[in-house]
Amino acid sequence: MSGSPQATLRDIASEAGISESTASRALSGHPGIAEDTRNRIFEIAERLGYRKSRKRTRGSIKHRSLIGVVVTDLQNSFYSQLVSQIHDELEVLGFDTILIIDDTLGFGSGQKLQSLIDTSLDGVIVTTALIGSPAVDFLIEHQIPTVLAIRSNKRGNVDVVESDNHTAGIEAARHLVELGHRRIGFIFGPRETSTSLDRYSGCLEECETAGFTPPKDHIIWGSYSHDAGYSGIVRLMNSPSPPTAVFCANDVVAMGALDACHKLGFSVPEDVSIIGVDDILMASWSMIRLTTIRQSMREIGLLAARRIVMRVKGKGPEGVCHDILPTSIVRRHTTGPPPAGSTP
């Protein structure tokens, strides 16, 4: 095949033992490719007689780089607000955005992104990463500039922008403990998400500091959904010793819990207190007035956008960046002292 003008990008990738997307990015001069990899690909391309297509490529002067933003569920207004912040900041920085809906919490092995990576994507912001996500491993392996926003994969091998979820758990539990609660229930998201695990560890630490450990039947792991909050409250309030307060994985879960309390005839906060996380816009509505732990969607979105642009331009630091942003409690009307006469 040597010297043949018919050599293809696939031929180069096959001989180099890399993906076509990596070969294409190296030949296009993308700064995110390691120097030794780039040199090896150019050497193979020259030896095989590879010639790039004469069509206008994404490397042309009119090209605006494209960033994929992976989200799970736009029905949760948290994500729509976050994506809006990311989009607006990328626009200011001269980058376009494409939205990728990940309804499988990990998009398989990453193949779902392969065609986009091969033809258009310059970088990816993932807001849905699971711990040990094969999709994130896929992106890193193929040297695609990647930033995890909201969640971490706990491996320390990729840029992360997230809130201080451990402290968020401490803040939530401390607020309930200070109100007098000792029977606290928890409705968390999936065990495979850093947000759930970190918030749980913070809650547990604060409860143990206060001298008690929540019983296992008061801890529910599920999804970040309204249904999970609804079914969680039904289960908790029908337990032998129901909690007097419940910490929910996020505001959407908390609103499901509030709906269930209304259906079951429990008053909030007179019978049971409810607290969430995020402080989405609906949380402040007068009919809801949810006590919650606020995380800054604006700051997370801005920083994630700036991090991915640095990586795409090859201007980021050599090591990975892990940005942890502060949280704060917002006290509204869904938390109060435990019912009179309730036992610890």
Protein backbone atom coordinates (compact mmCIF):
# COMPACT_ATOMS: atom_id res chain seq x y z
CA MET A 1 0.00 0.00 0.00
CA SER A 2 3.00 2.25 0.52
CA GLY A 3 3.02 5.25 -1.78
CA SER A 4 -0.57 4.68 -2.91
CA PRO A 5 -2.70 7.84 -3.20
CA GLN A 6 -5.74 5.70 -2.36
CA ALA A 7 -4.63 5.31 1.28
CA THR A 8 -7.44 6.24 3.66
CA LEU A 9 -7.73 7.63 7.15
CA ARG A 10 -8.83 4.16 8.24
CA ASP A 11 -5.55 2.71 6.91
CA ILE A 12 -3.56 5.18 8.99
CA ALA A 13 -5.61 4.57 12.11
CA SER A 14 -5.34 0.80 11.71
CA GLU A 15 -1.56 0.83 11.37
CA ALA A 16 -1.15 3.26 14.27
CA GLY A 17 -3.52 1.28 16.47
CA ILE A 18 -5.73 4.30 17.18
CA SER A 19 -9.23 5.48 16.29
CA GLU A 20 -10.01 7.31 13.05
CA SER A 21 -11.10 10.31 15.10
CA THR A 22 -7.68 10.56 16.78
CA ALA A 23 -5.92 10.21 13.42
CA SER A 24 -8.13 12.89 11.89
CA ARG A 25 -7.57 15.28 14.79
CA ALA A 26 -3.81 14.77 14.64
CA LEU A 27 -3.65 15.41 10.88
CA SER A 28 -5.82 18.52 11.33
CA GLY A 29 -3.33 19.97 13.79
CA HIS A 30 -5.59 19.68 16.83
CA PRO A 31 -3.61 20.76 19.91
CA GLY A 32 -5.16 18.12 22.16
CA ILE A 33 -3.08 15.27 20.66
CA ALA A 34 0.17 14.18 22.31
CA GLU A 35 3.24 15.22 20.34
CA ASP A 36 4.66 11.71 19.97
CA THR A 37 1.28 10.44 18.74
CA ARG A 38 1.00 13.28 16.25
CA ASN A 39 4.50 12.66 14.89
CA ARG A 40 3.82 8.93 14.51
CA ILE A 41 0.57 9.57 12.63
CA PHE A 42 2.22 12.05 10.27
CA GLU A 43 5.03 9.56 9.60
CA ILE A 44 2.54 6.81 8.73
CA ALA A 45 0.46 9.17 6.58
CA GLU A 46 3.53 10.24 4.61
CA ARG A 47 4.73 6.68 4.15
CA LEU A 48 1.31 5.52 2.93
CA GLY A 49 0.95 8.45 0.59
CA TYR A 50 -2.21 9.70 2.30
CA ARG A 51 -3.73 12.88 0.90
CA LYS A 52 -6.47 14.75 2.71
CA SER A 53 -9.73 15.38 0.88
CA ARG A 54 -9.91 18.64 -1.06
CA LYS A 55 -13.33 19.32 0.43
CA ARG A 56 -13.54 22.15 2.93
CA THR A 57 -12.88 20.54 6.31
CA ARG A 58 -13.73 21.57 9.83
CA GLY A 59 -10.27 23.03 9.98
CA SER A 60 -11.11 25.73 7.44
CA ILE A 61 -10.90 29.37 8.39
CA LYS A 62 -14.69 29.67 8.75
CA HIS A 63 -14.93 26.80 11.16
CA ARG A 64 -16.31 27.34 14.67
CA SER A 65 -15.38 24.53 17.02
CA LEU A 66 -18.24 22.35 18.24
CA ILE A 67 -18.69 21.15 21.82
CA GLY A 68 -21.07 18.33 22.72
CA VAL A 69 -22.94 18.73 26.01
CA VAL A 70 -24.29 15.46 27.42
CA VAL A 71 -27.32 15.68 29.71
CA THR A 72 -29.68 13.09 31.17
CA ASP A 73 -33.07 14.68 31.41
CA LEU A 74 -34.19 18.14 30.35
CA GLN A 75 -37.44 17.67 32.28
CA ASN A 76 -35.38 18.61 35.32
CA SER A 77 -35.04 22.38 34.99
CA PHE A 78 -31.64 22.15 36.68
CA TYR A 79 -30.19 20.76 33.46
CA SER A 80 -31.91 23.27 31.20
CA GLN A 81 -30.55 26.12 33.32
CA LEU A 82 -27.08 24.56 33.35
CA VAL A 83 -27.05 23.96 29.58
CA SER A 84 -28.17 27.54 29.00
CA GLN A 85 -25.19 28.83 30.99
CA ILE A 86 -22.76 26.53 29.16
CA HIS A 87 -24.20 27.48 25.76
CA ASP A 88 -24.06 31.21 26.43
CA GLU A 89 -20.46 31.12 27.64
CA LEU A 90 -19.30 28.93 24.73
CA GLU A 91 -21.02 31.35 22.34
CA VAL A 92 -19.07 34.25 23.84
CA LEU A 93 -15.86 32.22 23.46
CA GLY A 94 -16.60 31.51 19.77
CA PHE A 95 -17.73 27.89 20.11
CA ASP A 96 -20.92 26.18 18.98
CA THR A 97 -22.89 23.72 21.11
CA ILE A 98 -24.70 20.48 20.32
CA LEU A 99 -26.97 18.85 22.91
CA ILE A 100 -26.70 15.09 23.43
CA ILE A 101 -29.48 13.46 25.46
CA ASP A 102 -28.12 10.52 27.44
CA ASP A 103 -31.12 8.52 28.58
CA THR A 104 -29.03 5.50 29.57
CA LEU A 105 -26.89 7.14 32.27
CA GLY A 106 -23.60 6.39 30.55
CA PHE A 107 -24.35 5.97 26.82
CA GLY A 108 -22.95 2.46 26.64
CA SER A 109 -19.31 2.10 25.75
CA GLY A 110 -19.11 5.50 24.09
CA GLN A 111 -19.97 4.27 20.60
CA LYS A 112 -23.01 6.52 20.62
CA LEU A 113 -20.60 9.45 20.29
CA GLN A 114 -18.24 7.85 17.77
CA SER A 115 -19.81 9.25 14.59
CA LEU A 116 -20.02 12.75 16.08
CA ILE A 117 -16.41 12.57 17.25
CA ASP A 118 -15.23 11.38 13.83
CA THR A 119 -17.03 14.12 11.93
CA SER A 120 -17.61 17.15 14.09
CA LEU A 121 -17.03 17.24 17.84
CA ASP A 122 -13.96 19.03 19.18
CA GLY A 123 -14.73 18.40 22.84
CA VAL A 124 -17.36 17.07 25.25
CA ILE A 125 -18.85 18.31 28.52
CA VAL A 126 -20.50 15.41 30.36
CA THR A 127 -23.04 16.20 33.10
CA THR A 128 -24.21 12.60 33.56
CA ALA A 129 -21.03 10.70 34.40
CA LEU A 130 -21.29 7.58 36.48
CA ILE A 131 -18.45 6.46 38.71
CA GLY A 132 -16.33 4.26 36.45
CA SER A 133 -18.31 5.35 33.38
CA PRO A 134 -17.09 3.44 30.28
CA ALA A 135 -18.13 6.38 28.12
CA VAL A 136 -15.79 8.74 29.96
CA ASP A 137 -13.02 6.15 29.68
CA PHE A 138 -13.73 5.99 25.94
CA LEU A 139 -13.37 9.76 25.57
CA ILE A 140 -10.13 9.84 27.54
CA GLU A 141 -8.69 6.85 25.67
CA HIS A 142 -9.37 8.56 22.35
CA GLN A 143 -7.84 11.82 23.59
CA ILE A 144 -11.06 13.79 23.17
CA PRO A 145 -10.99 16.96 25.31
CA THR A 146 -13.46 16.21 28.09
CA VAL A 147 -14.81 17.99 31.16
CA LEU A 148 -17.14 16.44 33.73
CA ALA A 149 -19.64 18.93 35.15
CA ILE A 150 -21.77 18.27 38.25
CA ARG A 151 -20.42 14.75 38.81
CA SER A 152 -16.98 13.15 39.13
CA ASN A 153 -15.87 9.72 37.97
CA LYS A 154 -13.66 9.49 41.10
CA ARG A 155 -10.60 8.48 39.07
CA GLY A 156 -8.70 11.75 38.96
CA ASN A 157 -7.95 11.36 35.25
CA VAL A 158 -10.17 14.07 33.75
CA ASP A 159 -11.13 17.69 34.45
CA VAL A 160 -14.08 18.02 36.86
CA VAL A 161 -16.23 21.00 37.84
CA GLU A 162 -18.62 20.18 40.68
CA SER A 163 -20.14 21.48 43.87
CA ASP A 164 -18.88 20.53 47.32
CA ASN A 165 -21.42 17.73 47.69
CA HIS A 166 -19.91 16.35 50.88
CA THR A 167 -20.37 19.71 52.59
CA ALA A 168 -23.86 19.97 51.08
CA GLY A 169 -24.75 16.77 52.92
CA ILE A 170 -23.29 18.13 56.13
CA GLU A 171 -25.27 21.38 55.76
CA ALA A 172 -28.55 19.56 55.16
CA ALA A 173 -28.14 17.17 58.09
CA ARG A 174 -26.92 19.93 60.41
CA HIS A 175 -29.97 22.06 59.63
CA LEU A 176 -32.29 19.16 60.48
CA VAL A 177 -30.34 18.22 63.61
CA GLU A 178 -30.41 21.82 64.85
CA LEU A 179 -34.20 21.79 64.43
CA GLY A 180 -34.29 18.77 66.77
CA HIS A 181 -34.61 15.87 64.31
CA ARG A 182 -32.99 12.54 65.08
CA ARG A 183 -35.11 10.25 62.89
CA ILE A 184 -33.96 11.38 59.46
CA GLY A 185 -34.74 9.58 56.20
CA PHE A 186 -32.86 9.81 52.94
CA ILE A 187 -34.00 9.47 49.33
CA PHE A 188 -30.83 9.49 47.22
CA GLY A 189 -30.11 9.02 43.53
CA PRO A 190 -28.16 6.09 42.04
CA ARG A 191 -25.30 4.63 44.07
CA GLU A 192 -23.15 4.93 40.93
CA THR A 193 -23.15 8.76 41.04
CA SER A 194 -20.60 10.80 42.96
CA THR A 195 -23.24 13.35 43.94
CA SER A 196 -25.31 10.79 45.85
CA LEU A 197 -22.32 9.15 47.52
CA ASP A 198 -20.72 12.44 48.56
CA ARG A 199 -23.96 13.90 49.92
CA TYR A 200 -24.61 10.69 51.82
CA SER A 201 -21.13 10.68 53.35
CA GLY A 202 -21.62 14.27 54.49
CA CYS A 203 -25.02 13.50 56.03
CA LEU A 204 -23.69 10.40 57.78
CA GLU A 205 -20.72 12.32 59.18
CA GLU A 206 -22.95 15.03 60.64
CA CYS A 207 -25.45 12.53 62.08
CA GLU A 208 -22.68 10.57 63.78
CA THR A 209 -21.26 13.81 65.16
CA ALA A 210 -24.71 14.43 66.67
CA GLY A 211 -24.61 11.00 68.28
CA PHE A 212 -26.82 8.81 66.09
CA THR A 213 -26.65 6.71 62.92
CA PRO A 214 -29.62 6.56 60.52
CA PRO A 215 -31.08 3.04 60.29
CA LYS A 216 -30.69 1.24 56.99
CA ASP A 217 -34.42 1.16 56.34
CA HIS A 218 -34.41 4.97 56.34
CA ILE A 219 -31.95 5.11 53.42
CA ILE A 220 -33.34 4.70 49.90
CA TRP A 221 -31.28 4.65 46.70
CA GLY A 222 -33.08 5.25 43.41
CA SER A 223 -33.25 7.74 40.56
CA TYR A 224 -33.18 11.52 40.41
CA SER A 225 -36.88 11.73 39.61
CA HIS A 226 -40.25 12.91 40.89
CA ASP A 227 -41.44 9.29 41.00
CA ALA A 228 -38.48 8.31 43.21
CA GLY A 229 -39.40 11.01 45.70
CA TYR A 230 -43.06 10.02 45.70
CA SER A 231 -42.47 6.29 46.16
CA GLY A 232 -39.68 6.99 48.67
CA ILE A 233 -41.95 8.92 50.98
CA VAL A 234 -44.64 6.22 50.76
CA ARG A 235 -42.08 3.65 51.80
CA LEU A 236 -40.50 5.74 54.57
CA MET A 237 -43.73 6.93 56.14
CA ASN A 238 -45.08 3.36 56.21
CA SER A 239 -41.99 2.04 58.01
CA PRO A 240 -42.30 0.91 61.67
CA SER A 241 -40.62 4.11 62.90
CA PRO A 242 -41.14 6.76 60.20
CA PRO A 243 -38.70 9.66 59.97
CA THR A 244 -39.59 13.16 61.10
CA ALA A 245 -37.45 14.68 58.33
CA VAL A 246 -36.30 13.56 54.88
CA PHE A 247 -33.26 14.72 52.89
CA CYS A 248 -33.88 14.30 49.15
CA ALA A 249 -31.30 13.80 46.40
CA ASN A 250 -32.37 16.93 44.53
CA ASP A 251 -35.26 19.37 44.29
CA VAL A 252 -37.18 17.24 41.77
CA VAL A 253 -37.07 14.29 44.17
CA ALA A 254 -38.12 16.62 47.00
CA MET A 255 -41.13 17.81 44.99
CA GLY A 256 -42.16 14.21 44.44
CA ALA A 257 -41.90 13.74 48.20
CA LEU A 258 -44.08 16.82 48.79
CA ASP A 259 -46.71 15.46 46.41
CA ALA A 260 -46.75 12.14 48.25
CA CYS A 261 -47.10 13.87 51.62
CA HIS A 262 -50.09 15.81 50.29
CA LYS A 263 -51.66 12.60 48.94
CA LEU A 264 -51.05 10.67 52.18
CA GLY A 265 -52.36 13.47 54.38
CA PHE A 266 -49.05 14.46 56.01
CA SER A 267 -48.49 18.17 56.66
CA VAL A 268 -45.11 19.67 55.76
CA PRO A 269 -43.29 20.63 57.93
CA GLU A 270 -45.64 19.93 60.86
CA ASP A 271 -45.59 16.13 60.40
CA VAL A 272 -42.40 15.73 58.37
CA SER A 273 -39.73 18.12 57.12
CA ILE A 274 -38.44 17.95 53.52
CA ILE A 275 -35.15 19.37 52.20
CA GLY A 276 -33.69 19.13 48.68
CA VAL A 277 -30.60 20.12 46.72
CA ASP A 278 -30.06 22.49 43.75
CA ASP A 279 -32.41 25.45 44.31
CA ILE A 280 -34.06 25.26 40.90
CA LEU A 281 -36.44 28.08 40.03
CA MET A 282 -39.56 26.15 41.08
CA ALA A 283 -38.16 25.70 44.60
CA SER A 284 -38.87 29.33 45.42
CA TRP A 285 -42.45 29.36 44.08
CA SER A 286 -44.95 30.43 46.74
CA MET A 287 -46.87 27.13 46.55
CA ILE A 288 -43.67 25.13 47.15
CA ARG A 289 -41.17 27.25 49.12
CA LEU A 290 -38.73 24.36 49.41
CA THR A 291 -35.84 24.42 51.84
CA THR A 292 -32.82 23.34 49.81
CA ILE A 293 -29.06 23.36 49.40
CA ARG A 294 -28.15 25.78 46.63
CA GLN A 295 -25.42 25.02 44.13
CA SER A 296 -24.45 27.62 41.58
CA MET A 297 -25.51 26.44 38.12
CA ARG A 298 -24.15 29.67 36.70
CA GLU A 299 -20.63 29.19 38.10
CA ILE A 300 -20.54 25.50 37.19
CA GLY A 301 -21.66 26.26 33.63
CA LEU A 302 -19.22 29.13 33.13
CA LEU A 303 -16.24 27.23 34.51
CA ALA A 304 -17.02 24.01 32.62
CA ALA A 305 -17.25 25.99 29.36
CA ARG A 306 -13.94 27.74 30.01
CA ARG A 307 -12.20 24.50 30.96
CA ILE A 308 -13.26 22.70 27.78
CA VAL A 309 -12.19 25.64 25.62
CA MET A 310 -8.74 25.60 27.22
CA ARG A 311 -8.43 21.87 26.54
CA VAL A 312 -9.57 22.17 22.93
CA LYS A 313 -7.05 24.96 22.37
CA GLY A 314 -4.32 22.96 24.11
CA LYS A 315 -3.78 25.72 26.66
CA GLY A 316 -4.82 23.94 29.82
CA PRO A 317 -2.41 22.85 32.59
CA GLU A 318 -0.54 19.57 32.21
CA GLY A 319 -2.38 17.90 35.07
CA VAL A 320 -6.13 17.53 35.48
CA CYS A 321 -8.18 20.28 37.11
CA HIS A 322 -10.71 19.54 39.85
CA ASP A 323 -12.80 22.58 40.73
CA ILE A 324 -15.05 22.25 43.79
CA LEU A 325 -17.52 25.10 44.25
CA PRO A 326 -19.22 26.04 47.54
CA THR A 327 -22.86 25.37 48.39
CA SER A 328 -25.22 27.20 50.77
CA ILE A 329 -28.46 26.40 52.54
CA VAL A 330 -31.66 28.24 51.62
CA ARG A 331 -34.19 28.04 54.46
CA ARG A 332 -37.80 28.22 53.35
CA HIS A 333 -41.05 26.65 54.58
CA THR A 334 -40.65 22.87 54.23
CA THR A 335 -38.48 22.33 57.31
CA GLY A 336 -39.33 22.85 60.97
CA PRO A 337 -39.06 21.14 64.38
CA PRO A 338 -40.17 17.51 64.70
CA PRO A 339 -43.78 16.86 65.75
CA ALA A 340 -44.52 17.35 69.44
CA GLY A 341 -44.24 14.09 71.31
CA SER A 342 -42.15 12.32 68.63
CA THR A 343 -39.46 10.06 70.02
CA PRO A 344 -35.80 10.15 68.85
